[in-house]
C-alpha atoms as a PDB file:
ATOM      1  CA  UNK A   1       0.554  -0.164  -0.490  1.00  0.00           C
ATOM      2  CA  UNK A   2       1.104   3.227   0.054  1.00  0.00           C
ATOM      3  CA  UNK A   3       3.435   4.702   2.085  1.00  0.00           C
ATOM      4  CA  UNK A   4       2.185   7.507   3.759  1.00  0.00           C
ATOM      5  CA  UNK A   5       3.435   8.835   7.465  1.00  0.00           C
ATOM      6  CA  UNK A   6       1.557   7.698  10.270  1.00  0.00           C
ATOM      7  CA  UNK A   7       1.111  11.597  10.701  1.00  0.00           C
ATOM      8  CA  UNK A   8      -0.461  12.203   7.868  1.00  0.00           C
ATOM      9  CA  UNK A   9      -3.042   9.195   7.687  1.00  0.00           C
ATOM     10  CA  UNK A  10      -4.160  10.648  11.233  1.00  0.00           C
ATOM     11  CA  UNK A  11      -4.726  14.133  10.435  1.00  0.00           C
ATOM     12  CA  UNK A  12      -6.660  12.453   7.341  1.00  0.00           C
ATOM     13  CA  UNK A  13      -8.630  10.322   9.194  1.00  0.00           C
ATOM     14  CA  UNK A  14      -9.012  12.256  12.953  1.00  0.00           C
ATOM     15  CA  UNK A  15      -7.973   9.510  14.416  1.00  0.00           C
ATOM     16  CA  UNK A  16      -4.650   9.557  17.008  1.00  0.00           C
ATOM     17  CA  UNK A  17      -1.777   7.856  15.638  1.00  0.00           C
ATOM     18  CA  UNK A  18      -1.860   5.331  17.775  1.00  0.00           C
ATOM     19  CA  UNK A  19      -4.976   4.567  17.068  1.00  0.00           C
ATOM     20  CA  UNK A  20      -3.418   4.879  13.015  1.00  0.00           C
ATOM     21  CA  UNK A  21      -0.408   2.314  14.469  1.00  0.00           C
ATOM     22  CA  UNK A  22      -2.763  -0.076  15.833  1.00  0.00           C
ATOM     23  CA  UNK A  23      -4.517  -0.212  12.735  1.00  0.00           C
ATOM     24  CA  UNK A  24      -2.195  -0.615  10.363  1.00  0.00           C
ATOM     25  CA  UNK A  25      -0.140  -3.705  12.521  1.00  0.00           C
ATOM     26  CA  UNK A  26      -3.464  -5.099  12.764  1.00  0.00           C
ATOM     27  CA  UNK A  27      -4.015  -5.173   8.231  1.00  0.00           C
ATOM     28  CA  UNK A  28      -1.040  -6.373   8.536  1.00  0.00           C
ATOM     29  CA  UNK A  29      -1.465  -9.493  10.753  1.00  0.00           C
ATOM     30  CA  UNK A  30      -4.271 -10.342   8.901  1.00  0.00           C
ATOM     31  CA  UNK A  31      -2.147 -10.503   5.685  1.00  0.00           C
ATOM     32  CA  UNK A  32       0.241 -12.239   6.432  1.00  0.00           C
ATOM     33  CA  UNK A  33      -2.541 -14.749   7.862  1.00  0.00           C
ATOM     34  CA  UNK A  34      -4.761 -14.560   4.535  1.00  0.00           C
ATOM     35  CA  UNK A  35      -3.318 -17.302   2.647  1.00  0.00           C
ATOM     36  CA  UNK A  36      -2.448 -19.959   4.966  1.00  0.00           C
ATOM     37  CA  UNK A  37      -5.705 -19.820   7.258  1.00  0.00           C
ATOM     38  CA  UNK A  38      -9.437 -19.856   6.709  1.00  0.00           C
ATOM     39  CA  UNK A  39     -11.248 -16.118   8.588  1.00  0.00           C
ATOM     40  CA  UNK A  40     -12.508 -18.275  11.724  1.00  0.00           C
ATOM     41  CA  UNK A  41      -8.187 -19.597  12.398  1.00  0.00           C
ATOM     42  CA  UNK A  42      -6.783 -15.481  11.697  1.00  0.00           C
ATOM     43  CA  UNK A  43     -10.713 -14.225  14.372  1.00  0.00           C
ATOM     44  CA  UNK A  44      -8.732 -16.586  16.766  1.00  0.00           C
ATOM     45  CA  UNK A  45      -5.796 -16.598  17.067  1.00  0.00           C
ATOM     46  CA  UNK A  46      -5.035 -12.327  16.021  1.00  0.00           C
ATOM     47  CA  UNK A  47      -8.403 -11.850  19.071  1.00  0.00           C
ATOM     48  CA  UNK A  48     -10.010 -10.073  16.601  1.00  0.00           C
ATOM     49  CA  UNK A  49     -14.322 -10.544  15.622  1.00  0.00           C
ATOM     50  CA  UNK A  50     -14.545 -11.886  12.701  1.00  0.00           C
ATOM     51  CA  UNK A  51     -16.141  -8.517  11.181  1.00  0.00           C
ATOM     52  CA  UNK A  52     -13.239  -7.047  11.756  1.00  0.00           C
ATOM     53  CA  UNK A  53     -11.080  -9.244   9.770  1.00  0.00           C
ATOM     54  CA  UNK A  54     -13.541  -9.314   6.970  1.00  0.00           C
ATOM     55  CA  UNK A  55     -12.695  -6.034   7.023  1.00  0.00           C
ATOM     56  CA  UNK A  56      -9.405  -6.000   6.808  1.00  0.00           C
ATOM     57  CA  UNK A  57      -9.760  -8.968   3.835  1.00  0.00           C
ATOM     58  CA  UNK A  58     -11.727  -7.020   1.798  1.00  0.00           C
ATOM     59  CA  UNK A  59      -9.681  -3.720   2.114  1.00  0.00           C
ATOM     60  CA  UNK A  60      -6.408  -6.545   0.991  1.00  0.00           C
ATOM     61  CA  UNK A  61      -8.739  -7.505  -1.800  1.00  0.00           C
ATOM     62  CA  UNK A  62      -9.611  -4.571  -3.157  1.00  0.00           C
ATOM     63  CA  UNK A  63      -5.621  -3.270  -3.201  1.00  0.00           C
ATOM     64  CA  UNK A  64      -4.706  -6.719  -4.300  1.00  0.00           C
ATOM     65  CA  UNK A  65      -6.826  -6.584  -7.849  1.00  0.00           C
ATOM     66  CA  UNK A  66      -5.887  -2.522  -8.230  1.00  0.00           C
ATOM     67  CA  UNK A  67      -2.208  -3.660  -8.039  1.00  0.00           C
ATOM     68  CA  UNK A  68      -2.875  -5.809 -10.897  1.00  0.00           C
ATOM     69  CA  UNK A  69      -4.840  -3.772 -12.963  1.00  0.00           C
ATOM     70  CA  UNK A  70      -1.742  -0.778 -12.435  1.00  0.00           C
ATOM     71  CA  UNK A  71       0.466  -3.938 -13.452  1.00  0.00           C
ATOM     72  CA  UNK A  72      -1.441  -5.094 -16.424  1.00  0.00           C
ATOM     73  CA  UNK A  73      -1.240  -2.409 -17.923  1.00  0.00           C
ATOM     74  CA  UNK A  74      -5.443  -0.977 -16.980  1.00  0.00           C
ATOM     75  CA  UNK A  75      -6.779   1.974 -16.626  1.00  0.00           C
ATOM     76  CA  UNK A  76      -7.250   2.379 -12.946  1.00  0.00           C
ATOM     77  CA  UNK A  77     -10.949   3.343 -11.357  1.00  0.00           C
END
């Protein structure tokens, strides 16, 4: 994903930098387990609700779709 500094994310989202760092860390943890485990296992291991894990997976899949379009020369949405 884009390398946007945490202070900028914090300002844009109106969340604290600490909260943004937590969200980023949680996303990365879900992303790292996504190819090896199902949603229920990820939620249990990371002690997150299934709905939160689903949100991180949706973000990951959306980002991958955009990356694929970029890499195959398609127009950006």
